[in-house]
């Protein structure tokens, strides 16, 4: 891997690189390629993070995000240290000028600077409350760590976005297109994000982030389909075709990304849970033999049918495996900033 090539992350005014949204990336295609280079040669950057530590802070549970980021850090020679804030540490206060007479024991403006002394990169996973949209969409938790830690911060999911997942999705689409030979040169692939039913209200993070990244990538014709009342925030979806007609959306699709999310306007609610929105082989027949994606975990025969998940159209395992290379590409770019 050419470590002398251009660093692919923007440098904010603070002079400290971060990765919390697509806006932190200079060139999505180049970053995806760098991730695929790591996939071809996982240890090619094994001295990049030598004697460096990555702190992985989880304010909510994780499986793929935690494991893939640990592996990515180790591939770069880093020492990853996992800390589950809720179950292993003090309850943190994030509001400025808070009177801490309740159950919050430590303020983030005291905890974050200490983390900044312990680690070289801080990776943080937070989660929305789904109770107050203004609070969640302010991204208070991750922004307070950025403000006070004094070191690079990587989002492992926040209240509104999941950028490592979205980079993974671009990587997966890119390599699948490379294998799908020959793909017609006279058209872009059609990518469809379709809402799916679920048993509980879920955040908009993955759907927001996928929309933001696909739009910024600009290499696909992008359609979003969902029942009425499930519109996403337009700051993430602007540029996409949006329809309530799932069959119309699926027609001639090359990739179908399946995901549930709760309502945005009347925040965090479930209005419609129609099982007819679950993707089946009958619906897939409308597509251009589309590959089916999902970020996992998935509720079988609720969000996606067994017949889809267990078919050759499903690329969810490939997608999940690529989480390692997305994290490795991002961490390596930050480490290169630190050594430049």
Protein backbone atom coordinates (compact mmCIF):
# COMPACT_ATOMS: atom_id res chain seq x y z
CA UNK A 1 0.00 0.00 0.00
CA UNK A 2 1.27 3.45 -0.93
CA UNK A 3 1.42 5.28 2.37
CA UNK A 4 2.90 8.34 0.67
CA UNK A 5 -0.35 8.99 -1.21
CA UNK A 6 -2.79 11.76 -0.30
CA UNK A 7 -4.49 11.49 3.08
CA UNK A 8 -8.19 11.00 2.39
CA UNK A 9 -9.74 12.76 5.40
CA UNK A 10 -10.35 16.49 5.73
CA UNK A 11 -8.56 18.32 8.51
CA UNK A 12 -10.95 20.53 10.55
CA UNK A 13 -10.02 23.97 11.84
CA UNK A 14 -9.09 22.36 15.15
CA UNK A 15 -6.24 20.57 13.37
CA UNK A 16 -7.47 17.25 14.79
CA UNK A 17 -8.86 14.76 12.23
CA UNK A 18 -12.13 13.00 12.92
CA UNK A 19 -14.56 10.62 11.25
CA UNK A 20 -18.19 11.26 12.18
CA UNK A 21 -19.87 11.74 8.78
CA UNK A 22 -19.25 11.67 5.04
CA UNK A 23 -18.28 15.34 5.30
CA UNK A 24 -15.00 14.26 6.88
CA UNK A 25 -13.96 12.39 3.72
CA UNK A 26 -12.16 13.99 0.77
CA UNK A 27 -12.69 11.17 -1.74
CA UNK A 28 -15.16 8.36 -1.05
CA UNK A 29 -14.04 6.25 -4.00
CA UNK A 30 -10.39 6.47 -2.97
CA UNK A 31 -11.20 5.61 0.65
CA UNK A 32 -13.23 2.58 -0.47
CA UNK A 33 -10.31 1.49 -2.66
CA UNK A 34 -7.93 1.85 0.25
CA UNK A 35 -10.20 -0.39 2.31
CA UNK A 36 -10.25 -3.01 -0.46
CA UNK A 37 -6.45 -2.80 -0.63
CA UNK A 38 -6.40 -3.70 3.06
CA UNK A 39 -8.79 -6.57 2.37
CA UNK A 40 -6.33 -7.92 -0.20
CA UNK A 41 -3.37 -7.42 2.18
CA UNK A 42 -4.65 -7.13 5.78
CA UNK A 43 -1.22 -6.66 7.37
CA UNK A 44 0.14 -4.18 4.85
CA UNK A 45 -0.12 -1.38 7.41
CA UNK A 46 0.88 -3.37 10.46
CA UNK A 47 3.49 -0.86 11.63
CA UNK A 48 1.30 2.21 11.03
CA UNK A 49 -0.16 2.08 14.53
CA UNK A 50 2.76 0.56 16.40
CA UNK A 51 2.85 1.75 20.05
CA UNK A 52 -0.51 3.50 19.58
CA UNK A 53 -3.71 2.86 21.54
CA UNK A 54 -7.31 3.03 20.38
CA UNK A 55 -9.96 3.56 23.03
CA UNK A 56 -13.30 1.97 22.10
CA UNK A 57 -16.04 3.50 24.24
CA UNK A 58 -19.49 1.96 24.07
CA UNK A 59 -22.50 3.75 25.53
CA UNK A 60 -24.72 1.01 24.07
CA UNK A 61 -24.17 -2.64 23.09
CA UNK A 62 -22.41 -3.80 19.95
CA UNK A 63 -21.16 -6.96 18.27
CA UNK A 64 -19.92 -6.36 14.69
CA UNK A 65 -18.83 -2.78 15.34
CA UNK A 66 -16.84 -3.72 18.40
CA UNK A 67 -15.19 -6.83 16.97
CA UNK A 68 -14.41 -5.38 13.55
CA UNK A 69 -12.86 -2.22 14.99
CA UNK A 70 -10.73 -4.23 17.40
CA UNK A 71 -9.48 -6.43 14.55
CA UNK A 72 -8.83 -3.40 12.35
CA UNK A 73 -6.78 -1.70 15.07
CA UNK A 74 -4.76 -4.86 15.69
CA UNK A 75 -4.09 -5.24 11.95
CA UNK A 76 -2.49 -1.79 12.09
CA UNK A 77 -0.34 -2.70 15.08
CA UNK A 78 -2.50 -0.74 17.55
CA UNK A 79 -3.61 -1.84 20.99
CA UNK A 80 -7.42 -1.55 21.19
CA UNK A 81 -8.95 -1.16 24.65
CA UNK A 82 -12.72 -1.61 25.02
CA UNK A 83 -14.67 0.19 27.73
CA UNK A 84 -18.43 -0.25 28.18
CA UNK A 85 -19.36 3.05 29.79
CA UNK A 86 -22.82 2.08 31.04
CA UNK A 87 -21.90 -1.18 32.76
CA UNK A 88 -18.22 -0.65 33.63
CA UNK A 89 -17.91 3.04 34.45
CA UNK A 90 -19.58 6.06 35.98
CA UNK A 91 -22.75 7.52 34.53
CA UNK A 92 -21.67 10.53 32.48
CA UNK A 93 -23.21 14.00 32.33
CA UNK A 94 -23.04 15.75 28.95
CA UNK A 95 -24.99 18.99 29.46
CA UNK A 96 -22.98 22.16 30.02
CA UNK A 97 -23.44 23.91 33.37
CA UNK A 98 -25.36 20.93 34.74
CA UNK A 99 -26.05 20.81 38.47
CA UNK A 100 -24.99 17.23 39.08
CA UNK A 101 -27.27 16.36 41.99
CA UNK A 102 -28.86 13.37 40.25
CA UNK A 103 -27.53 9.98 39.16
CA UNK A 104 -24.75 11.34 36.87
CA UNK A 105 -21.40 10.91 38.62
CA UNK A 106 -18.85 12.44 36.23
CA UNK A 107 -19.00 15.18 33.59
CA UNK A 108 -17.70 14.49 30.08
CA UNK A 109 -15.51 17.63 30.31
CA UNK A 110 -13.59 15.88 33.09
CA UNK A 111 -13.65 12.35 31.64
CA UNK A 112 -12.86 13.13 27.98
CA UNK A 113 -9.54 14.95 28.57
CA UNK A 114 -8.34 11.97 30.61
CA UNK A 115 -9.29 9.67 27.73
CA UNK A 116 -7.28 11.99 25.51
CA UNK A 117 -4.20 11.28 27.63
CA UNK A 118 -4.74 7.52 27.68
CA UNK A 119 -5.38 7.01 23.96
CA UNK A 120 -4.22 8.18 20.54
CA UNK A 121 -7.63 7.70 18.88
CA UNK A 122 -11.01 7.60 20.61
CA UNK A 123 -13.79 5.56 18.98
CA UNK A 124 -17.25 6.13 20.41
CA UNK A 125 -20.62 4.44 19.99
CA UNK A 126 -23.68 6.29 21.24
CA UNK A 127 -27.39 5.81 20.62
CA UNK A 128 -30.42 8.11 20.40
CA UNK A 129 -33.08 8.21 23.10
CA UNK A 130 -35.85 8.39 20.44
CA UNK A 131 -37.70 10.65 22.88
CA UNK A 132 -36.55 14.15 21.96
CA UNK A 133 -35.58 14.77 18.34
CA UNK A 134 -33.87 18.08 19.02
CA UNK A 135 -31.62 16.51 21.65
CA UNK A 136 -30.76 13.49 19.54
CA UNK A 137 -30.11 15.45 16.35
CA UNK A 138 -27.83 17.88 18.20
CA UNK A 139 -25.35 14.97 18.51
CA UNK A 140 -24.46 16.26 21.97
CA UNK A 141 -22.69 13.10 23.19
CA UNK A 142 -20.16 12.67 20.40
CA UNK A 143 -19.68 16.41 19.95
CA UNK A 144 -18.76 16.80 23.61
CA UNK A 145 -16.09 14.13 23.26
CA UNK A 146 -14.76 15.91 20.16
CA UNK A 147 -14.74 19.20 22.08
CA UNK A 148 -12.95 17.96 25.19
CA UNK A 149 -10.86 14.87 24.32
CA UNK A 150 -8.19 16.70 22.31
CA UNK A 151 -7.53 13.65 20.10
CA UNK A 152 -9.14 12.23 16.93
CA UNK A 153 -12.65 10.86 17.41
CA UNK A 154 -14.18 8.12 15.25
CA UNK A 155 -17.92 7.49 15.33
CA UNK A 156 -18.87 3.86 15.84
CA UNK A 157 -22.48 5.07 15.49
CA UNK A 158 -24.07 8.19 16.86
CA UNK A 159 -27.60 9.45 17.46
CA UNK A 160 -28.17 10.23 13.77
CA UNK A 161 -25.43 8.56 11.69
CA UNK A 162 -23.40 5.36 11.30
CA UNK A 163 -20.52 6.36 9.00
CA UNK A 164 -18.38 3.22 9.31
CA UNK A 165 -21.39 1.13 8.31
CA UNK A 166 -22.03 3.40 5.33
CA UNK A 167 -18.40 3.26 4.19
CA UNK A 168 -18.71 -0.52 4.48
CA UNK A 169 -21.81 -0.40 2.28
CA UNK A 170 -19.96 1.60 -0.41
CA UNK A 171 -17.08 -0.88 -0.24
CA UNK A 172 -19.46 -3.82 -0.62
CA UNK A 173 -21.32 -2.30 -3.57
CA UNK A 174 -18.01 -1.39 -5.22
CA UNK A 175 -16.52 -4.87 -5.03
CA UNK A 176 -19.80 -6.51 -6.02
CA UNK A 177 -19.94 -4.34 -9.13
CA UNK A 178 -16.38 -5.38 -9.92
CA UNK A 179 -17.45 -9.03 -9.75
CA UNK A 180 -20.70 -8.44 -11.65
CA UNK A 181 -19.10 -8.61 -15.10
CA UNK A 182 -19.84 -7.05 -17.40
CA UNK A 183 -21.89 -4.29 -15.80
CA UNK A 184 -23.37 -2.01 -18.48
CA UNK A 185 -21.22 1.07 -18.92
CA UNK A 186 -24.09 3.17 -20.22
CA UNK A 187 -25.94 3.33 -16.89
CA UNK A 188 -25.33 3.68 -13.17
CA UNK A 189 -26.38 0.86 -10.83
CA UNK A 190 -29.77 1.38 -9.25
CA UNK A 191 -29.62 1.26 -5.45
CA UNK A 192 -32.82 1.08 -3.42
CA UNK A 193 -33.19 1.67 0.32
CA UNK A 194 -36.43 0.06 1.45
CA UNK A 195 -38.09 0.37 4.83
CA UNK A 196 -38.96 -2.92 6.53
CA UNK A 197 -41.27 -3.79 9.42
CA UNK A 198 -39.89 -4.36 12.91
CA UNK A 199 -41.21 -5.21 16.36
CA UNK A 200 -39.93 -2.03 18.00
CA UNK A 201 -39.01 1.55 17.16
CA UNK A 202 -35.48 1.86 15.78
CA UNK A 203 -33.42 5.01 15.11
CA UNK A 204 -32.88 6.57 11.69
CA UNK A 205 -29.06 6.38 11.96
CA UNK A 206 -28.33 3.71 9.34
CA UNK A 207 -30.92 4.99 6.87
CA UNK A 208 -29.75 8.60 7.31
CA UNK A 209 -26.13 7.65 6.89
CA UNK A 210 -26.61 5.32 3.93
CA UNK A 211 -28.59 8.03 2.16
CA UNK A 212 -25.96 10.66 2.90
CA UNK A 213 -23.10 8.48 1.63
CA UNK A 214 -24.83 7.18 -1.51
CA UNK A 215 -25.83 10.71 -2.48
CA UNK A 216 -22.30 12.02 -1.87
CA UNK A 217 -20.75 9.05 -3.70
CA UNK A 218 -22.69 9.93 -6.85
CA UNK A 219 -22.07 6.59 -8.55
CA UNK A 220 -25.63 5.22 -8.33
CA UNK A 221 -29.22 6.07 -9.14
CA UNK A 222 -30.69 6.14 -5.66
CA UNK A 223 -34.29 5.51 -4.61
CA UNK A 224 -35.78 5.40 -1.10
CA UNK A 225 -39.10 3.69 -0.49
CA UNK A 226 -41.15 3.60 2.70
CA UNK A 227 -44.74 3.87 3.93
CA UNK A 228 -46.27 7.30 4.43
CA UNK A 229 -45.11 9.12 7.58
CA UNK A 230 -41.62 7.55 7.50
CA UNK A 231 -39.87 10.40 5.70
CA UNK A 232 -36.26 10.92 6.76
CA UNK A 233 -34.57 14.25 7.40
CA UNK A 234 -34.10 15.92 4.01
CA UNK A 235 -30.55 16.99 4.86
CA UNK A 236 -29.60 13.33 4.35
CA UNK A 237 -31.96 12.28 1.54
CA UNK A 238 -31.80 15.30 -0.77
CA UNK A 239 -30.91 14.04 -4.24
CA UNK A 240 -32.67 10.69 -3.91
CA UNK A 241 -35.97 9.65 -5.50
CA UNK A 242 -38.48 9.00 -2.69
CA UNK A 243 -41.63 6.93 -3.21
CA UNK A 244 -44.25 5.14 -1.11
CA UNK A 245 -44.66 2.52 -3.83
CA UNK A 246 -42.24 -0.29 -2.99
CA UNK A 247 -42.91 -2.28 -6.17
CA UNK A 248 -42.22 0.77 -8.31
CA UNK A 249 -38.99 1.42 -6.43
CA UNK A 250 -37.75 -2.17 -6.75
CA UNK A 251 -38.17 -2.30 -10.52
CA UNK A 252 -34.78 -2.95 -12.18
CA UNK A 253 -32.85 -2.43 -8.93
CA UNK A 254 -29.30 -3.78 -8.77
CA UNK A 255 -28.95 -3.46 -4.99
CA UNK A 256 -31.66 -3.44 -2.33
CA UNK A 257 -30.74 -2.25 1.16
CA UNK A 258 -33.33 -3.35 3.73
CA UNK A 259 -33.66 -1.40 6.97
CA UNK A 260 -36.30 -0.39 9.50
CA UNK A 261 -36.51 3.06 11.05
CA UNK A 262 -39.04 4.88 13.23
CA UNK A 263 -40.79 8.13 12.35
CA UNK A 264 -38.82 11.37 12.13
CA UNK A 265 -41.55 14.03 12.23
CA UNK A 266 -43.57 12.58 15.13
CA UNK A 267 -40.32 11.39 16.53
CA UNK A 268 -39.51 7.79 17.37
CA UNK A 269 -42.92 6.26 16.69
CA UNK A 270 -44.22 3.22 14.81
CA UNK A 271 -47.23 4.15 12.67
CA UNK A 272 -47.25 1.34 10.13
CA UNK A 273 -45.87 -2.14 10.68
CA UNK A 274 -47.36 -3.74 7.59
CA UNK A 275 -45.78 -7.20 7.00
CA UNK A 276 -46.39 -6.66 3.28
CA UNK A 277 -43.27 -4.47 3.29
CA UNK A 278 -41.04 -7.46 4.06
CA UNK A 279 -38.83 -8.34 1.08
CA UNK A 280 -39.57 -11.72 -0.54
CA UNK A 281 -38.48 -13.58 -3.66
CA UNK A 282 -41.70 -12.53 -5.36
CA UNK A 283 -40.75 -8.88 -4.87
CA UNK A 284 -37.14 -9.53 -5.78
CA UNK A 285 -38.33 -10.76 -9.17
CA UNK A 286 -39.08 -7.11 -9.98
CA UNK A 287 -35.40 -6.26 -9.69
CA UNK A 288 -32.40 -6.79 -11.94
CA UNK A 289 -31.48 -9.90 -9.93
CA UNK A 290 -30.55 -7.49 -7.14
CA UNK A 291 -28.09 -8.16 -4.38
CA UNK A 292 -29.71 -7.69 -0.97
CA UNK A 293 -28.01 -5.85 1.89
CA UNK A 294 -28.73 -5.36 5.59
CA UNK A 295 -26.52 -3.96 8.36
CA UNK A 296 -27.45 -6.73 10.88
CA UNK A 297 -28.77 -7.84 13.28
CA UNK A 298 -31.84 -8.84 11.29
CA UNK A 299 -35.20 -10.16 12.49
CA UNK A 300 -35.79 -13.13 10.20
CA UNK A 301 -39.23 -13.35 8.63
CA UNK A 302 -40.07 -9.90 10.00
CA UNK A 303 -37.62 -7.58 8.21
CA UNK A 304 -36.36 -10.12 5.69
CA UNK A 305 -37.60 -13.56 4.72
CA UNK A 306 -35.55 -16.73 5.12
CA UNK A 307 -35.79 -17.30 1.38
CA UNK A 308 -33.97 -14.03 0.73
CA UNK A 309 -31.42 -14.27 3.54
CA UNK A 310 -30.43 -17.83 2.62
CA UNK A 311 -30.25 -17.18 -1.11
CA UNK A 312 -27.35 -16.26 -3.39
CA UNK A 313 -28.84 -12.77 -3.68
CA UNK A 314 -27.96 -12.02 -0.07
CA UNK A 315 -24.57 -10.38 0.48
CA UNK A 316 -25.08 -9.55 4.17
CA UNK A 317 -22.20 -11.77 5.38
CA UNK A 318 -19.82 -10.20 2.86
CA UNK A 319 -21.11 -6.81 3.94
CA UNK A 320 -20.55 -7.52 7.65
CA UNK A 321 -17.07 -8.90 7.00
CA UNK A 322 -16.15 -5.68 5.22
CA UNK A 323 -16.66 -3.77 8.46
CA UNK A 324 -13.04 -4.64 9.31
CA UNK A 325 -11.65 -3.01 6.18
CA UNK A 326 -13.76 0.12 6.54
CA UNK A 327 -12.49 0.63 10.09
CA UNK A 328 -8.93 -0.18 9.08
CA UNK A 329 -8.97 2.36 6.25
CA UNK A 330 -10.29 5.12 8.53
CA UNK A 331 -7.93 4.38 11.42
CA UNK A 332 -4.96 4.22 9.05
CA UNK A 333 -5.81 7.64 7.60
CA UNK A 334 -5.93 9.19 11.07
CA UNK A 335 -2.66 7.53 12.04
CA UNK A 336 -1.03 8.90 8.89
CA UNK A 337 -2.14 12.40 9.92
CA UNK A 338 -0.57 11.90 13.31
CA UNK A 339 2.73 10.77 11.82
CA UNK A 340 2.91 13.41 9.07
